[in-house]
Amino acid sequence: MGGAGRRGRRAGFIVGLMAIAGMLAACSSSGSDASASYDDGYASGGDVGAYEESADDGGTAPSAQDRAVIVTGEMYMTVEDPVATADQVATIVQSAGGRVDGRSETAPDEYYGGAAALTLRIPADELDDVLERVRALGTVDELRTESSDVTTQVTDLESRISTLRASTKRIEGLLTEAKDIGDIIALENELSSRQAELESLEARQRGLDDQVSMSTIYLSLTTEPVVIVDDSPDSFWDGLVSGWNALVAFVSGALVVIGVVLPWLALAGILAFGTMLVVRAKQGRARRSAAPQVETTGQAAQESEPSQS
């Protein structure tokens, strides 16, 4: 009796596993067929809405608000200062609830005005407003956007995830009731496989949700190119004109220098003239004071000559 009971329970577990496996296989097959039918219809230019209506078994097609659309694009702009503009763009995107996933900058030099590049993640419902605000920061040279409808993929993932979660719970329930070691091992292996597949599908779902909710825009910021003009003369007449222009420029520069220095020269001349007058006055007073002494000395010499004779 005990052996027959164990065989009965084991047969029940096996039947349950077969039922779960059949259900999952049917779900995978229907999902694959639906994806193939969608791809064929899209590639042949068929009506996607008509396909989705038939896939829902007579249900209505998703409305425009229910569609899952991934928007990507590229935007090239000319601005005066790429680095400063990149800071402004980052502020605009972050204030709208977005983020900057990548950023690179090139410093300006004498031949190049510098550049900046950003990878922007913008909330889908704020995309138009953010792009309009970014447009005002410079001149838009090129803007391209692409939309990809992934509604069917999202719906398929949701269905497969729901089915896997239900089957995982059923296997967990069978595992709690299993007594035979063979059944336990088989159920644990099946549960691990289903959980791994479920985690993979959930990761794909999160990735799709992120792409749908946050549009991706690559933004390139550059300046006007620096034009270097070679104005060196290449003929006699050009050389003559260049020489004359150089002479005029030299004379003009010299006149400017003279105009700057002339007031100082005038001041220096006035000071020199004043100094000269002071010196001459001192010399005149010295000569006048020395003249009486010379006369007195001459008279004394004349008076002394007769007395000696």
Protein backbone atom coordinates (compact mmCIF):
# COMPACT_ATOMS: atom_id res chain seq x y z
CA MET A 1 0.00 0.00 0.00
CA GLY A 2 2.83 2.42 0.92
CA GLY A 3 4.66 1.73 -2.37
CA ALA A 4 1.45 2.17 -4.37
CA GLY A 5 0.78 5.50 -2.56
CA ARG A 6 4.24 6.80 -3.31
CA ARG A 7 3.93 5.74 -6.95
CA GLY A 8 0.55 7.51 -7.09
CA ARG A 9 1.95 10.71 -5.65
CA ARG A 10 4.95 10.55 -7.94
CA ALA A 11 2.69 10.02 -10.90
CA GLY A 12 0.68 13.04 -9.76
CA PHE A 13 3.84 15.18 -9.56
CA ILE A 14 4.93 14.04 -13.00
CA VAL A 15 1.50 14.81 -14.44
CA GLY A 16 1.63 18.25 -12.80
CA LEU A 17 5.11 18.94 -14.23
CA MET A 18 3.97 17.83 -17.67
CA ALA A 19 0.95 20.13 -17.44
CA ILE A 20 3.13 23.10 -16.43
CA ALA A 21 5.70 22.36 -19.14
CA GLY A 22 2.92 22.07 -21.71
CA MET A 23 1.39 25.36 -20.64
CA LEU A 24 4.76 27.17 -20.81
CA ALA A 25 5.57 25.63 -24.18
CA ALA A 26 2.19 26.72 -25.50
CA CYS A 27 2.76 30.24 -24.18
CA SER A 28 6.26 30.44 -25.69
CA SER A 29 4.97 29.06 -28.98
CA SER A 30 2.11 31.54 -29.10
CA GLY A 31 4.47 34.39 -28.20
CA SER A 32 6.93 33.33 -30.92
CA ASP A 33 4.14 32.97 -33.47
CA ALA A 34 2.75 36.37 -32.50
CA SER A 35 6.18 37.98 -32.83
CA ALA A 36 6.76 36.30 -36.18
CA SER A 37 3.34 37.38 -37.42
CA TYR A 38 3.99 40.93 -36.27
CA ASP A 39 7.43 41.04 -37.92
CA ASP A 40 6.03 39.63 -41.18
CA GLY A 41 3.13 42.08 -41.17
CA TYR A 42 5.40 45.05 -40.41
CA ALA A 43 7.98 44.05 -43.01
CA SER A 44 5.31 43.63 -45.69
CA GLY A 45 3.78 47.01 -44.90
CA GLY A 46 0.68 45.53 -43.30
CA ASP A 47 -1.57 47.28 -40.81
CA VAL A 48 -0.06 46.92 -37.35
CA GLY A 49 -3.28 48.00 -35.69
CA ALA A 50 -5.24 45.27 -37.50
CA TYR A 51 -2.71 42.68 -36.35
CA GLU A 52 -2.90 43.80 -32.73
CA GLU A 53 -6.68 43.65 -32.82
CA SER A 54 -6.59 40.06 -34.06
CA ALA A 55 -3.89 39.15 -31.52
CA ASP A 56 -6.15 40.30 -28.74
CA ASP A 57 -8.84 37.80 -29.86
CA GLY A 58 -11.36 40.38 -30.83
CA GLY A 59 -10.26 43.06 -28.36
CA THR A 60 -9.65 46.65 -29.29
CA ALA A 61 -6.22 47.89 -30.44
CA PRO A 62 -4.13 49.94 -27.96
CA SER A 63 -4.80 53.67 -28.07
CA ALA A 64 -2.09 56.22 -28.83
CA GLN A 65 -1.61 56.85 -25.11
CA ASP A 66 -1.14 53.12 -24.43
CA ARG A 67 1.49 52.60 -27.12
CA ALA A 68 5.11 52.04 -26.07
CA VAL A 69 7.42 54.12 -28.27
CA ILE A 70 11.20 54.49 -28.04
CA VAL A 71 12.47 57.89 -29.27
CA THR A 72 16.14 58.47 -30.12
CA GLY A 73 17.78 61.34 -31.94
CA GLU A 74 20.80 63.48 -32.72
CA MET A 75 21.15 67.26 -32.48
CA TYR A 76 24.04 69.36 -33.80
CA MET A 77 24.36 73.01 -32.72
CA THR A 78 26.71 75.96 -33.22
CA VAL A 79 27.22 78.07 -30.07
CA GLU A 80 29.63 80.73 -28.84
CA ASP A 81 30.98 78.80 -25.84
CA PRO A 82 30.42 75.01 -26.02
CA VAL A 83 31.52 74.25 -22.45
CA ALA A 84 29.33 76.94 -20.88
CA THR A 85 26.40 75.92 -23.10
CA ALA A 86 26.86 72.28 -22.05
CA ASP A 87 26.42 73.36 -18.42
CA GLN A 88 23.20 75.18 -19.35
CA VAL A 89 21.88 72.14 -21.23
CA ALA A 90 22.60 69.85 -18.28
CA THR A 91 20.67 72.21 -16.00
CA ILE A 92 17.69 72.27 -18.38
CA VAL A 93 17.58 68.47 -18.68
CA GLN A 94 17.93 67.86 -14.95
CA SER A 95 15.24 70.42 -14.13
CA ALA A 96 12.88 68.43 -16.41
CA GLY A 97 13.59 65.21 -14.51
CA GLY A 98 16.17 63.85 -16.95
CA ARG A 99 19.87 63.10 -16.67
CA VAL A 100 23.15 63.29 -18.58
CA ASP A 101 24.51 59.80 -19.24
CA GLY A 102 27.69 60.92 -21.02
CA ARG A 103 29.71 64.11 -21.53
CA SER A 104 32.96 65.01 -23.29
CA GLU A 105 34.68 68.37 -23.81
CA THR A 106 37.47 69.71 -26.04
CA ALA A 107 39.33 72.83 -24.93
CA PRO A 108 39.62 75.72 -27.41
CA ASP A 109 42.90 76.84 -28.96
CA GLU A 110 44.04 79.43 -31.51
CA TYR A 111 42.72 77.38 -34.42
CA TYR A 112 39.70 75.69 -32.84
CA GLY A 113 36.91 77.13 -30.71
CA GLY A 114 36.41 73.99 -28.62
CA ALA A 115 33.51 71.51 -28.51
CA ALA A 116 31.28 69.52 -26.17
CA ALA A 117 29.16 66.39 -26.61
CA LEU A 118 26.43 65.09 -24.31
CA THR A 119 24.19 62.01 -24.18
CA LEU A 120 20.87 63.22 -22.79
CA ARG A 121 18.13 61.08 -21.26
CA ILE A 122 14.93 63.13 -21.29
CA PRO A 123 11.47 62.10 -20.01
CA ALA A 124 9.36 61.27 -23.07
CA ASP A 125 6.55 63.63 -22.12
CA GLU A 126 9.05 66.51 -21.63
CA LEU A 127 11.05 65.92 -24.83
CA ASP A 128 9.50 68.64 -27.01
CA ASP A 129 9.71 71.29 -24.30
CA VAL A 130 13.34 70.48 -23.46
CA LEU A 131 14.40 70.54 -27.12
CA GLU A 132 12.77 73.95 -27.58
CA ARG A 133 14.66 75.33 -24.59
CA VAL A 134 17.93 73.88 -25.86
CA ARG A 135 17.31 75.37 -29.33
CA ALA A 136 17.34 78.87 -27.82
CA LEU A 137 20.97 78.47 -26.70
CA GLY A 138 22.43 78.62 -30.21
CA THR A 139 21.92 77.76 -33.87
CA VAL A 140 20.58 74.30 -34.71
CA ASP A 141 22.50 72.90 -37.67
CA GLU A 142 20.80 69.50 -37.73
CA LEU A 143 18.16 67.62 -35.75
CA ARG A 144 17.07 64.02 -36.36
CA THR A 145 14.72 61.90 -34.27
CA GLU A 146 13.48 58.34 -34.76
CA SER A 147 10.54 56.56 -33.15
CA SER A 148 10.28 52.81 -32.69
CA ASP A 149 6.97 51.25 -31.62
CA VAL A 150 7.64 48.39 -29.18
CA THR A 151 4.08 47.94 -27.93
CA THR A 152 3.95 44.32 -29.07
CA GLN A 153 7.26 43.49 -27.41
CA VAL A 154 6.14 45.06 -24.13
CA THR A 155 2.82 43.18 -24.24
CA ASP A 156 4.55 39.89 -25.05
CA LEU A 157 7.03 40.35 -22.20
CA GLU A 158 4.24 41.11 -19.74
CA SER A 159 2.36 37.98 -20.80
CA ARG A 160 5.41 35.73 -20.56
CA ILE A 161 6.42 37.17 -17.19
CA SER A 162 2.91 36.70 -15.83
CA THR A 163 2.83 33.07 -17.01
CA LEU A 164 6.30 32.33 -15.58
CA ARG A 165 5.37 33.83 -12.23
CA ALA A 166 2.24 31.67 -12.06
CA SER A 167 4.14 28.52 -13.02
CA THR A 168 6.90 29.33 -10.51
CA LYS A 169 4.33 29.58 -7.73
CA ARG A 170 2.80 26.25 -8.75
CA ILE A 171 6.20 24.56 -8.73
CA GLU A 172 6.94 26.05 -5.32
CA GLY A 173 3.62 24.64 -4.09
CA LEU A 174 4.43 21.18 -5.47
CA LEU A 175 7.90 21.38 -3.94
CA THR A 176 6.47 21.94 -0.46
CA GLU A 177 4.33 18.81 -0.83
CA ALA A 178 6.99 16.57 -2.39
CA LYS A 179 8.32 13.72 -0.30
CA ASP A 180 10.29 11.62 -2.78
CA ILE A 181 13.91 12.78 -3.25
CA GLY A 182 13.70 12.32 -7.02
CA ASP A 183 10.64 14.53 -7.21
CA ILE A 184 12.30 17.17 -5.03
CA ILE A 185 15.40 17.27 -7.23
CA ALA A 186 13.34 17.48 -10.40
CA LEU A 187 11.15 20.23 -8.98
CA GLU A 188 14.15 22.24 -7.70
CA ASN A 189 15.87 22.05 -11.09
CA GLU A 190 12.70 23.14 -12.84
CA LEU A 191 12.19 25.96 -10.32
CA SER A 192 15.77 27.24 -10.78
CA SER A 193 15.35 27.20 -14.55
CA ARG A 194 12.05 29.10 -14.38
CA GLN A 195 13.44 31.66 -11.92
CA ALA A 196 16.49 32.33 -14.11
CA GLU A 197 14.27 32.79 -17.17
CA LEU A 198 11.95 35.05 -15.16
CA GLU A 199 14.85 37.25 -14.00
CA SER A 200 16.09 37.56 -17.59
CA LEU A 201 12.66 38.60 -18.84
CA GLU A 202 12.23 41.09 -16.00
CA ALA A 203 15.63 42.62 -16.86
CA ARG A 204 14.53 42.98 -20.49
CA GLN A 205 11.28 44.54 -19.32
CA ARG A 206 13.13 47.08 -17.16
CA GLY A 207 15.38 47.96 -20.07
CA LEU A 208 12.43 48.50 -22.40
CA ASP A 209 10.59 50.54 -19.79
CA ASP A 210 13.63 52.79 -19.35
CA GLN A 211 14.01 53.31 -23.11
CA VAL A 212 10.32 54.09 -23.49
CA SER A 213 10.05 56.46 -20.52
CA MET A 214 13.36 58.28 -21.19
CA SER A 215 14.17 59.40 -24.73
CA THR A 216 17.84 59.40 -25.73
CA ILE A 217 19.27 62.44 -27.55
CA TYR A 218 22.93 62.84 -28.59
CA LEU A 219 23.87 66.56 -28.56
CA SER A 220 26.98 68.00 -30.25
CA LEU A 221 28.05 71.61 -29.50
CA THR A 222 30.68 73.38 -31.62
CA THR A 223 31.70 76.95 -32.48
CA GLU A 224 32.09 78.73 -35.79
CA PRO A 225 35.29 77.54 -37.52
CA VAL A 226 38.32 79.79 -37.19
CA VAL A 227 39.24 81.13 -40.65
CA ILE A 228 42.96 81.83 -41.14
CA VAL A 229 43.58 84.27 -44.01
CA ASP A 230 47.00 84.26 -45.70
CA ASP A 231 47.52 87.93 -46.60
CA SER A 232 51.23 87.72 -47.53
CA PRO A 233 51.99 89.55 -50.84
CA ASP A 234 52.58 87.38 -53.90
CA SER A 235 53.33 90.08 -56.55
CA PHE A 236 55.24 93.39 -56.94
CA TRP A 237 52.09 95.47 -56.67
CA ASP A 238 50.95 93.54 -53.58
CA GLY A 239 54.39 94.07 -52.06
CA LEU A 240 54.27 97.78 -52.83
CA VAL A 241 50.82 98.11 -51.30
CA SER A 242 51.89 96.08 -48.28
CA GLY A 243 54.99 98.28 -47.83
CA TRP A 244 52.97 101.49 -48.13
CA ASN A 245 50.43 100.20 -45.60
CA ALA A 246 53.29 99.29 -43.26
CA LEU A 247 54.80 102.78 -43.65
CA VAL A 248 51.45 104.44 -42.97
CA ALA A 249 50.96 102.22 -39.95
CA PHE A 250 54.47 103.09 -38.69
CA VAL A 251 53.94 106.83 -39.15
CA SER A 252 50.56 106.62 -37.47
CA GLY A 253 52.08 104.73 -34.59
CA ALA A 254 54.96 107.20 -34.33
CA LEU A 255 52.55 110.14 -34.27
CA VAL A 256 50.63 108.45 -31.49
CA VAL A 257 53.83 107.97 -29.50
CA ILE A 258 54.85 111.60 -30.12
CA GLY A 259 51.41 112.76 -29.02
CA VAL A 260 51.79 110.79 -25.81
CA VAL A 261 55.36 111.95 -25.11
CA LEU A 262 55.02 115.62 -26.22
CA PRO A 263 53.32 116.90 -23.03
CA TRP A 264 56.06 115.33 -20.95
CA LEU A 265 58.74 116.86 -23.18
CA ALA A 266 57.11 120.28 -22.79
CA LEU A 267 57.06 119.88 -19.03
CA ALA A 268 60.71 118.77 -19.03
CA GLY A 269 61.67 121.82 -21.17
CA ILE A 270 59.91 124.19 -18.78
CA LEU A 271 61.66 122.64 -15.79
CA ALA A 272 65.04 122.78 -17.58
CA PHE A 273 64.51 126.43 -18.55
CA GLY A 274 63.59 127.34 -14.97
CA THR A 275 66.64 125.49 -13.64
CA MET A 276 68.88 127.36 -16.12
CA LEU A 277 67.49 130.74 -14.99
CA VAL A 278 68.12 129.90 -11.34
CA VAL A 279 71.70 128.82 -12.08
CA ARG A 280 72.43 131.95 -14.09
CA ALA A 281 71.02 134.17 -11.34
CA LYS A 282 73.25 132.48 -8.76
CA GLN A 283 76.28 132.90 -11.02
CA GLY A 284 75.48 136.66 -11.51
CA ARG A 285 75.23 137.24 -7.79
CA ALA A 286 78.54 135.45 -7.27
CA ARG A 287 80.29 137.64 -9.86
CA ARG A 288 78.87 140.82 -8.40
CA SER A 289 79.99 139.90 -4.89
CA ALA A 290 83.49 139.05 -6.11
CA ALA A 291 84.04 142.39 -8.00
CA PRO A 292 84.58 144.73 -4.88
CA GLN A 293 87.14 142.33 -3.45
CA VAL A 294 89.12 142.47 -6.70
CA GLU A 295 89.09 146.31 -6.71
CA THR A 296 90.24 146.49 -3.06
CA THR A 297 93.10 144.13 -3.75
CA GLY A 298 94.23 146.25 -6.75
CA GLN A 299 94.30 149.50 -4.75
CA ALA A 300 96.32 147.90 -1.96
CA ALA A 301 98.86 146.73 -4.47
CA GLN A 302 99.22 150.21 -5.99
CA GLU A 303 99.73 151.86 -2.57
CA SER A 304 102.39 149.41 -1.57
CA GLU A 305 104.57 149.99 -4.65
CA PRO A 306 105.73 153.68 -3.78
CA SER A 307 106.57 152.80 -0.23
CA GLN A 308 108.88 150.10 -1.39
CA SER A 309 110.69 152.49 -3.72
